[in-house]
């Protein structure tokens, strides 16, 4: 496969996943904002979204004050913010258009229709009808695109690079959401605290993991078990373990003469997470562990770009 074609497929997938995960992050922050807290604390939580997406400077240039309305306006539909949901869905559509002949017609139509619908959205309308409704729409549309891809496309190299983009982006975003929300909750886990229960539940729901948690643990929600589910559980689709294993498997399928180092990096990361224990992770420090993991994912992305794709800043 031509590297440019692989590049478009990989980034189409990453932008679709990025839009969904941003919707999830905004959703859990919005839900947590419904719990009474000081204005300063609430604005800190919204500001953390800017930090995680490395867009603080761009935000300051256009909005200045960090509050719920400004961050939502910036991260939902701001066309000048390359990390907004609007920009991600636009980029996904542009990459899909570039390789339209490689995709099935259903895949192209679902991606194009999603872009056309979000292009006509207005922030005031979203706020008026309910922010949750819009974020659910984003999650459903991106899930629809992904479902169409995996149910209609031949499982060839094109399919592999789409999966690769999906796994890399999902691993990074799961780590980011867990890190920022764990930090916001200060690692509290008082099982008798209704506020803590609500907020940990909101975090799990943002990753479609609330029902899974109940099925696996059948007990009260605690920070340790939430982290274990989202980091170590191989049978949890959005866990770091599951995503890294997926990366290893895809790299094996698409390997070339120059990808050995990237494969070793992925295999090393998979071995580390496979052998890890949640008590050891907390002893090391959850924030430090997640930061290191995100650094390794960034290195993996660089390696994939170097070995298979067209190097380009995204």
Protein backbone atom coordinates (compact mmCIF):
# COMPACT_ATOMS: atom_id res chain seq x y z
CA UNK A 1 0.00 0.00 0.00
CA UNK A 2 1.24 3.52 -0.79
CA UNK A 3 2.38 5.36 2.32
CA UNK A 4 0.12 8.33 1.50
CA UNK A 5 -2.94 6.08 1.33
CA UNK A 6 -2.01 4.44 4.63
CA UNK A 7 -1.47 7.89 6.11
CA UNK A 8 -4.97 9.09 5.16
CA UNK A 9 -6.61 5.93 6.49
CA UNK A 10 -4.64 6.03 9.75
CA UNK A 11 -5.45 9.68 10.40
CA UNK A 12 -9.07 9.36 9.35
CA UNK A 13 -9.42 6.73 12.06
CA UNK A 14 -7.52 8.78 14.64
CA UNK A 15 -9.67 11.86 14.05
CA UNK A 16 -12.89 9.87 14.33
CA UNK A 17 -11.69 8.35 17.61
CA UNK A 18 -10.42 11.75 18.80
CA UNK A 19 -13.80 13.39 18.22
CA UNK A 20 -15.52 10.64 20.17
CA UNK A 21 -13.09 10.76 23.05
CA UNK A 22 -13.25 14.55 23.26
CA UNK A 23 -17.03 14.22 23.46
CA UNK A 24 -16.54 11.73 26.29
CA UNK A 25 -14.14 14.03 28.14
CA UNK A 26 -16.47 17.02 27.80
CA UNK A 27 -19.40 14.86 28.88
CA UNK A 28 -17.78 13.66 32.10
CA UNK A 29 -16.58 17.18 32.92
CA UNK A 30 -20.08 18.51 32.36
CA UNK A 31 -21.58 15.79 34.55
CA UNK A 32 -19.07 16.49 37.30
CA UNK A 33 -19.89 20.20 37.10
CA UNK A 34 -23.42 19.37 38.28
CA UNK A 35 -22.01 18.40 41.69
CA UNK A 36 -21.80 21.49 43.95
CA UNK A 37 -18.27 22.93 44.18
CA UNK A 38 -16.53 26.29 44.18
CA UNK A 39 -16.38 28.29 40.96
CA UNK A 40 -12.57 28.16 41.14
CA UNK A 41 -12.54 24.35 41.32
CA UNK A 42 -15.05 24.01 38.50
CA UNK A 43 -13.06 26.33 36.23
CA UNK A 44 -9.91 24.34 37.04
CA UNK A 45 -11.66 21.20 35.81
CA UNK A 46 -12.62 22.89 32.55
CA UNK A 47 -9.11 24.29 32.20
CA UNK A 48 -7.67 20.78 32.52
CA UNK A 49 -9.30 19.91 29.19
CA UNK A 50 -7.30 22.67 27.51
CA UNK A 51 -4.10 21.47 29.14
CA UNK A 52 -4.61 17.86 28.09
CA UNK A 53 -5.17 18.91 24.49
CA UNK A 54 -2.26 21.41 24.57
CA UNK A 55 -4.45 24.30 23.40
CA UNK A 56 -4.12 26.74 26.33
CA UNK A 57 -2.35 29.40 24.27
CA UNK A 58 -4.82 29.21 21.39
CA UNK A 59 -7.71 29.44 23.85
CA UNK A 60 -6.19 32.46 25.63
CA UNK A 61 -5.83 34.32 22.34
CA UNK A 62 -9.55 34.08 21.59
CA UNK A 63 -11.37 33.72 24.89
CA UNK A 64 -9.21 34.67 27.85
CA UNK A 65 -11.33 33.56 30.82
CA UNK A 66 -11.52 29.83 31.48
CA UNK A 67 -15.09 28.83 32.28
CA UNK A 68 -17.59 26.22 31.15
CA UNK A 69 -19.19 28.23 28.35
CA UNK A 70 -15.93 29.41 26.82
CA UNK A 71 -14.26 25.99 26.93
CA UNK A 72 -17.33 24.31 25.45
CA UNK A 73 -17.57 26.90 22.69
CA UNK A 74 -13.86 26.43 21.92
CA UNK A 75 -13.80 22.63 22.05
CA UNK A 76 -17.10 21.93 20.29
CA UNK A 77 -17.43 24.06 17.18
CA UNK A 78 -14.50 26.46 16.94
CA UNK A 79 -13.25 26.00 13.37
CA UNK A 80 -9.93 27.65 14.22
CA UNK A 81 -9.21 25.16 17.01
CA UNK A 82 -7.66 22.09 15.36
CA UNK A 83 -8.56 20.03 18.44
CA UNK A 84 -12.30 20.84 18.44
CA UNK A 85 -14.93 18.24 17.62
CA UNK A 86 -15.81 20.30 14.54
CA UNK A 87 -12.20 20.30 13.31
CA UNK A 88 -11.72 16.58 14.04
CA UNK A 89 -14.80 15.57 12.05
CA UNK A 90 -13.77 17.89 9.24
CA UNK A 91 -10.28 16.35 9.15
CA UNK A 92 -11.73 12.83 9.26
CA UNK A 93 -13.92 13.66 6.27
CA UNK A 94 -11.02 15.25 4.35
CA UNK A 95 -8.83 12.18 4.89
CA UNK A 96 -11.69 9.89 3.90
CA UNK A 97 -12.30 11.91 0.74
CA UNK A 98 -8.62 11.59 -0.22
CA UNK A 99 -8.91 7.77 -0.22
CA UNK A 100 -12.56 7.48 -1.15
CA UNK A 101 -11.79 4.75 -3.65
CA UNK A 102 -10.25 2.61 -0.91
CA UNK A 103 -13.32 2.86 1.34
CA UNK A 104 -16.69 1.21 0.88
CA UNK A 105 -19.49 3.53 -0.21
CA UNK A 106 -21.21 3.03 3.16
CA UNK A 107 -18.08 4.14 5.02
CA UNK A 108 -17.72 7.27 2.91
CA UNK A 109 -21.41 8.18 3.21
CA UNK A 110 -21.46 7.77 7.00
CA UNK A 111 -18.34 9.90 7.39
CA UNK A 112 -19.51 12.57 4.95
CA UNK A 113 -23.02 12.77 6.41
CA UNK A 114 -21.62 13.22 9.92
CA UNK A 115 -19.49 16.15 8.73
CA UNK A 116 -22.39 17.77 6.86
CA UNK A 117 -24.57 17.59 9.96
CA UNK A 118 -21.99 18.98 12.37
CA UNK A 119 -21.12 21.75 9.90
CA UNK A 120 -24.64 23.13 10.28
CA UNK A 121 -24.64 23.08 14.09
CA UNK A 122 -24.65 26.33 16.08
CA UNK A 123 -23.38 26.66 19.63
CA UNK A 124 -26.47 28.54 20.86
CA UNK A 125 -28.70 25.76 19.52
CA UNK A 126 -26.58 23.09 21.22
CA UNK A 127 -26.78 24.89 24.57
CA UNK A 128 -30.49 25.48 24.13
CA UNK A 129 -31.31 21.84 23.39
CA UNK A 130 -28.82 20.42 25.88
CA UNK A 131 -25.10 19.85 25.72
CA UNK A 132 -25.52 16.18 26.67
CA UNK A 133 -27.74 15.56 23.64
CA UNK A 134 -25.09 16.88 21.26
CA UNK A 135 -22.27 14.94 22.90
CA UNK A 136 -24.34 11.75 22.71
CA UNK A 137 -24.91 12.46 19.01
CA UNK A 138 -21.15 12.73 18.46
CA UNK A 139 -20.53 9.46 20.27
CA UNK A 140 -23.25 7.67 18.33
CA UNK A 141 -22.15 9.03 14.95
CA UNK A 142 -18.50 8.11 15.45
CA UNK A 143 -19.53 4.66 16.68
CA UNK A 144 -21.69 4.32 13.57
CA UNK A 145 -18.78 5.18 11.27
CA UNK A 146 -16.52 2.71 13.03
CA UNK A 147 -19.19 0.02 12.90
CA UNK A 148 -19.70 0.54 9.17
CA UNK A 149 -15.95 0.35 8.60
CA UNK A 150 -15.50 -2.92 10.45
CA UNK A 151 -18.61 -4.54 9.01
CA UNK A 152 -18.19 -3.61 5.33
CA UNK A 153 -14.49 -3.29 4.55
CA UNK A 154 -12.22 -6.09 3.46
CA UNK A 155 -9.79 -6.99 6.23
CA UNK A 156 -6.71 -6.06 4.22
CA UNK A 157 -3.94 -3.52 4.76
CA UNK A 158 -6.38 -0.61 4.58
CA UNK A 159 -8.37 -2.17 7.40
CA UNK A 160 -5.18 -2.71 9.42
CA UNK A 161 -4.13 0.94 9.26
CA UNK A 162 -7.61 2.07 10.26
CA UNK A 163 -7.44 -0.24 13.30
CA UNK A 164 -3.94 1.00 14.11
CA UNK A 165 -5.10 4.61 14.21
CA UNK A 166 -8.07 3.59 16.33
CA UNK A 167 -5.94 1.78 18.93
CA UNK A 168 -3.26 4.48 19.22
CA UNK A 169 -5.78 7.31 19.64
CA UNK A 170 -7.97 5.35 22.05
CA UNK A 171 -5.04 4.39 24.29
CA UNK A 172 -3.87 7.98 24.48
CA UNK A 173 -7.32 9.36 25.22
CA UNK A 174 -8.25 6.73 27.83
CA UNK A 175 -5.04 7.56 29.67
CA UNK A 176 -5.76 11.30 29.41
CA UNK A 177 -9.34 11.03 30.67
CA UNK A 178 -8.34 8.80 33.59
CA UNK A 179 -5.42 11.06 34.49
CA UNK A 180 -7.30 14.36 34.46
CA UNK A 181 -10.34 13.06 36.29
CA UNK A 182 -8.36 11.14 38.88
CA UNK A 183 -6.37 14.30 39.55
CA UNK A 184 -9.56 16.38 39.77
CA UNK A 185 -10.96 13.97 42.35
CA UNK A 186 -7.67 14.05 44.28
CA UNK A 187 -7.68 10.27 44.37
CA UNK A 188 -10.52 10.25 46.88
CA UNK A 189 -12.42 7.01 47.26
CA UNK A 190 -14.67 7.33 50.32
CA UNK A 191 -17.31 4.77 49.52
CA UNK A 192 -19.80 6.55 51.81
CA UNK A 193 -19.44 9.86 50.00
CA UNK A 194 -22.34 10.30 47.57
CA UNK A 195 -20.46 13.02 45.67
CA UNK A 196 -17.48 10.73 45.08
CA UNK A 197 -19.75 7.90 43.98
CA UNK A 198 -21.49 10.17 41.48
CA UNK A 199 -18.25 11.50 40.05
CA UNK A 200 -16.52 8.12 39.73
CA UNK A 201 -19.71 6.81 38.14
CA UNK A 202 -19.64 9.72 35.67
CA UNK A 203 -16.05 8.87 34.78
CA UNK A 204 -16.96 5.24 34.10
CA UNK A 205 -19.99 6.23 32.04
CA UNK A 206 -17.83 8.57 29.94
CA UNK A 207 -15.87 5.50 28.82
CA UNK A 208 -18.92 3.21 28.50
CA UNK A 209 -17.55 1.28 31.45
CA UNK A 210 -20.15 1.70 34.22
CA UNK A 211 -22.12 -1.48 33.46
CA UNK A 212 -18.87 -3.36 32.82
CA UNK A 213 -17.56 -2.26 36.23
CA UNK A 214 -20.72 -3.51 37.94
CA UNK A 215 -20.49 -6.83 36.13
CA UNK A 216 -16.80 -7.35 36.93
CA UNK A 217 -16.63 -6.15 40.55
CA UNK A 218 -20.22 -6.27 41.82
CA UNK A 219 -19.24 -3.87 44.58
CA UNK A 220 -18.79 -0.21 45.49
CA UNK A 221 -16.91 2.03 43.08
CA UNK A 222 -13.37 2.71 44.28
CA UNK A 223 -10.46 4.55 42.58
CA UNK A 224 -8.26 1.45 42.63
CA UNK A 225 -10.78 -0.71 40.84
CA UNK A 226 -11.66 2.02 38.33
CA UNK A 227 -7.96 2.33 37.46
CA UNK A 228 -7.55 -1.44 37.28
CA UNK A 229 -10.49 -1.74 34.88
CA UNK A 230 -9.31 1.05 32.59
CA UNK A 231 -5.61 0.13 32.64
CA UNK A 232 -5.12 -3.60 33.13
CA UNK A 233 -8.29 -5.46 32.13
CA UNK A 234 -7.60 -7.10 28.78
CA UNK A 235 -11.31 -7.82 28.26
CA UNK A 236 -12.25 -4.13 28.61
CA UNK A 237 -12.27 -2.67 25.05
CA UNK A 238 -11.08 0.78 26.08
CA UNK A 239 -8.42 -0.32 28.56
CA UNK A 240 -4.80 0.56 27.96
CA UNK A 241 -3.92 -3.15 27.96
CA UNK A 242 -6.44 -3.99 25.23
CA UNK A 243 -5.35 -1.06 23.06
CA UNK A 244 -1.65 -1.86 23.29
CA UNK A 245 -2.26 -5.53 22.49
CA UNK A 246 -4.21 -4.38 19.45
CA UNK A 247 -1.29 -2.22 18.32
CA UNK A 248 1.11 -5.17 18.66
CA UNK A 249 -1.16 -7.42 16.59
CA UNK A 250 -1.63 -4.87 13.80
CA UNK A 251 2.08 -4.07 13.62
CA UNK A 252 2.78 -7.78 13.17
CA UNK A 253 0.36 -7.82 10.23
CA UNK A 254 1.80 -4.77 8.44
CA UNK A 255 5.50 -5.06 9.33
CA UNK A 256 8.09 -4.00 6.78
CA UNK A 257 11.88 -3.89 6.58
CA UNK A 258 12.20 -0.80 8.77
CA UNK A 259 9.53 -1.36 11.42
CA UNK A 260 11.45 -3.70 13.77
CA UNK A 261 12.27 -0.97 16.30
CA UNK A 262 8.64 0.21 16.47
CA UNK A 263 7.47 -3.36 16.93
CA UNK A 264 9.93 -3.86 19.81
CA UNK A 265 8.70 -0.67 21.45
CA UNK A 266 5.09 -1.86 21.22
CA UNK A 267 5.96 -5.34 22.50
CA UNK A 268 7.93 -3.88 25.43
CA UNK A 269 5.03 -1.63 26.40
CA UNK A 270 2.63 -4.56 26.12
CA UNK A 271 4.84 -6.76 28.31
CA UNK A 272 5.11 -4.04 30.96
CA UNK A 273 1.38 -3.49 31.14
CA UNK A 274 0.63 -7.23 30.97
CA UNK A 275 2.89 -7.88 33.98
CA UNK A 276 1.79 -4.83 35.98
CA UNK A 277 -0.30 -4.99 39.15
CA UNK A 278 -2.60 -2.18 40.23
CA UNK A 279 -1.01 -1.95 43.70
CA UNK A 280 2.39 -1.43 42.10
CA UNK A 281 0.98 1.25 39.80
CA UNK A 282 -0.46 3.20 42.73
CA UNK A 283 2.77 2.78 44.68
CA UNK A 284 4.67 4.22 41.72
CA UNK A 285 2.05 6.96 41.41
CA UNK A 286 -0.90 6.82 39.03
CA UNK A 287 -0.17 10.21 37.47
CA UNK A 288 3.47 9.28 36.87
CA UNK A 289 2.45 5.93 35.40
CA UNK A 290 -0.08 7.47 33.03
CA UNK A 291 2.31 10.25 32.00
CA UNK A 292 4.97 7.69 31.16
CA UNK A 293 2.44 5.60 29.26
CA UNK A 294 1.35 8.61 27.18
CA UNK A 295 5.00 9.34 26.39
CA UNK A 296 5.42 5.78 25.09
CA UNK A 297 2.26 6.07 23.00
CA UNK A 298 3.62 9.29 21.51
CA UNK A 299 6.86 7.45 20.64
CA UNK A 300 4.83 4.66 19.06
CA UNK A 301 2.95 7.18 16.95
CA UNK A 302 6.24 8.70 15.81
CA UNK A 303 7.56 5.25 14.93
CA UNK A 304 4.46 4.37 12.94
CA UNK A 305 4.68 7.64 11.01
CA UNK A 306 8.37 7.09 10.31
CA UNK A 307 8.00 3.46 9.22
CA UNK A 308 4.72 3.47 7.29
CA UNK A 309 3.22 6.91 6.73
CA UNK A 310 3.90 10.38 5.35
CA UNK A 311 5.56 12.30 8.23
CA UNK A 312 3.46 15.32 9.01
CA UNK A 313 2.45 17.34 12.07
CA UNK A 314 -1.14 16.69 13.07
